[in-house]
């Protein structure tokens, strides 16, 4: 886990590595984290690939989520 903080003082934790929750629950971890953009992307890609992308996203989603937080102004503490 990486702990991040933005300028307003909001603290979030971002997991690293393989996302077991994404493997077992699909887009729901992204929705629970408030990451609507990637939840929609995962859903659309899953529809287009007949579900094969569910095997790829667990390897990359935690990195995508961390990058989104860093772009939104969060800093590692």
C-alpha atoms as a PDB file:
ATOM      1  CA  UNK A   1       0.000   0.000   0.000  1.00  0.00           C
ATOM      2  CA  UNK A   2       1.109   3.508  -0.809  1.00  0.00           C
ATOM      3  CA  UNK A   3      -0.282   6.350   1.279  1.00  0.00           C
ATOM      4  CA  UNK A   4      -1.078   9.547  -0.624  1.00  0.00           C
ATOM      5  CA  UNK A   5      -2.228  12.993   0.476  1.00  0.00           C
ATOM      6  CA  UNK A   6      -3.588  15.921  -1.511  1.00  0.00           C
ATOM      7  CA  UNK A   7      -3.299  19.650  -0.744  1.00  0.00           C
ATOM      8  CA  UNK A   8      -6.654  19.652   1.066  1.00  0.00           C
ATOM      9  CA  UNK A   9      -5.379  17.033   3.486  1.00  0.00           C
ATOM     10  CA  UNK A  10      -7.384  14.109   2.120  1.00  0.00           C
ATOM     11  CA  UNK A  11      -5.462  10.875   2.617  1.00  0.00           C
ATOM     12  CA  UNK A  12      -5.939   7.823   0.391  1.00  0.00           C
ATOM     13  CA  UNK A  13      -4.205   4.497   0.205  1.00  0.00           C
ATOM     14  CA  UNK A  14      -3.437   2.927  -3.143  1.00  0.00           C
ATOM     15  CA  UNK A  15      -2.538  -0.761  -3.403  1.00  0.00           C
ATOM     16  CA  UNK A  16       0.360  -1.949  -5.537  1.00  0.00           C
ATOM     17  CA  UNK A  17       0.798  -4.937  -7.796  1.00  0.00           C
ATOM     18  CA  UNK A  18      -1.785  -7.511  -8.773  1.00  0.00           C
ATOM     19  CA  UNK A  19      -5.417  -6.635  -7.981  1.00  0.00           C
ATOM     20  CA  UNK A  20      -7.131  -9.708  -6.573  1.00  0.00           C
ATOM     21  CA  UNK A  21     -10.305  -7.708  -6.002  1.00  0.00           C
ATOM     22  CA  UNK A  22     -10.470  -6.764  -9.685  1.00  0.00           C
ATOM     23  CA  UNK A  23      -9.929 -10.403 -10.653  1.00  0.00           C
ATOM     24  CA  UNK A  24     -12.802 -11.626  -8.462  1.00  0.00           C
ATOM     25  CA  UNK A  25     -15.207  -8.663  -8.619  1.00  0.00           C
ATOM     26  CA  UNK A  26     -14.539  -6.987 -11.993  1.00  0.00           C
ATOM     27  CA  UNK A  27     -15.429  -3.296 -12.107  1.00  0.00           C
ATOM     28  CA  UNK A  28     -16.794  -3.099  -8.546  1.00  0.00           C
ATOM     29  CA  UNK A  29     -13.452  -2.236  -6.857  1.00  0.00           C
ATOM     30  CA  UNK A  30     -13.075   0.699  -9.255  1.00  0.00           C
ATOM     31  CA  UNK A  31     -16.615   1.844  -8.489  1.00  0.00           C
ATOM     32  CA  UNK A  32     -16.038   1.583  -4.736  1.00  0.00           C
ATOM     33  CA  UNK A  33     -12.851   3.642  -5.059  1.00  0.00           C
ATOM     34  CA  UNK A  34     -14.785   6.312  -6.961  1.00  0.00           C
ATOM     35  CA  UNK A  35     -12.832   5.634 -10.144  1.00  0.00           C
ATOM     36  CA  UNK A  36     -15.782   5.883 -12.537  1.00  0.00           C
ATOM     37  CA  UNK A  37     -13.642   6.496 -15.629  1.00  0.00           C
ATOM     38  CA  UNK A  38     -11.711   3.221 -15.352  1.00  0.00           C
ATOM     39  CA  UNK A  39     -14.822   1.300 -14.327  1.00  0.00           C
ATOM     40  CA  UNK A  40     -16.482   2.387 -17.576  1.00  0.00           C
ATOM     41  CA  UNK A  41     -13.359   1.609 -19.602  1.00  0.00           C
ATOM     42  CA  UNK A  42     -13.130  -1.873 -18.061  1.00  0.00           C
ATOM     43  CA  UNK A  43     -16.812  -2.531 -18.746  1.00  0.00           C
ATOM     44  CA  UNK A  44     -16.663  -1.385 -22.382  1.00  0.00           C
ATOM     45  CA  UNK A  45     -13.459  -3.307 -23.095  1.00  0.00           C
ATOM     46  CA  UNK A  46     -14.938  -6.420 -21.457  1.00  0.00           C
ATOM     47  CA  UNK A  47     -17.989  -6.192 -23.710  1.00  0.00           C
ATOM     48  CA  UNK A  48     -15.825  -5.712 -26.804  1.00  0.00           C
ATOM     49  CA  UNK A  49     -13.502  -8.622 -25.925  1.00  0.00           C
ATOM     50  CA  UNK A  50     -16.267 -10.970 -24.737  1.00  0.00           C
ATOM     51  CA  UNK A  51     -14.864 -10.867 -21.205  1.00  0.00           C
ATOM     52  CA  UNK A  52     -11.241 -11.734 -21.977  1.00  0.00           C
ATOM     53  CA  UNK A  53     -10.065  -8.393 -20.616  1.00  0.00           C
ATOM     54  CA  UNK A  54     -11.129  -9.528 -17.107  1.00  0.00           C
ATOM     55  CA  UNK A  55      -7.927 -11.584 -17.146  1.00  0.00           C
ATOM     56  CA  UNK A  56      -5.736  -8.587 -18.086  1.00  0.00           C
ATOM     57  CA  UNK A  57      -7.069  -5.760 -15.914  1.00  0.00           C
ATOM     58  CA  UNK A  58      -6.083  -7.334 -12.556  1.00  0.00           C
ATOM     59  CA  UNK A  59      -2.441  -7.002 -13.614  1.00  0.00           C
ATOM     60  CA  UNK A  60      -2.678  -3.301 -14.530  1.00  0.00           C
ATOM     61  CA  UNK A  61      -5.551  -1.710 -12.597  1.00  0.00           C
ATOM     62  CA  UNK A  62      -3.739  -0.826  -9.357  1.00  0.00           C
ATOM     63  CA  UNK A  63      -1.056   0.994 -11.362  1.00  0.00           C
ATOM     64  CA  UNK A  64      -3.713   2.858 -13.339  1.00  0.00           C
ATOM     65  CA  UNK A  65      -5.451   3.899 -10.114  1.00  0.00           C
ATOM     66  CA  UNK A  66      -2.192   5.133  -8.581  1.00  0.00           C
ATOM     67  CA  UNK A  67      -1.373   7.167 -11.706  1.00  0.00           C
ATOM     68  CA  UNK A  68      -4.846   8.756 -11.642  1.00  0.00           C
ATOM     69  CA  UNK A  69      -4.359   9.834  -8.035  1.00  0.00           C
ATOM     70  CA  UNK A  70      -0.929  11.292  -8.791  1.00  0.00           C
ATOM     71  CA  UNK A  71      -2.361  13.249 -11.740  1.00  0.00           C
ATOM     72  CA  UNK A  72      -5.129  14.586  -9.517  1.00  0.00           C
ATOM     73  CA  UNK A  73      -2.525  16.169  -7.249  1.00  0.00           C
ATOM     74  CA  UNK A  74      -1.967  13.524  -4.599  1.00  0.00           C
ATOM     75  CA  UNK A  75       1.573  13.175  -3.286  1.00  0.00           C
ATOM     76  CA  UNK A  76       3.245  10.195  -1.648  1.00  0.00           C
ATOM     77  CA  UNK A  77       3.767  10.659   2.085  1.00  0.00           C
END
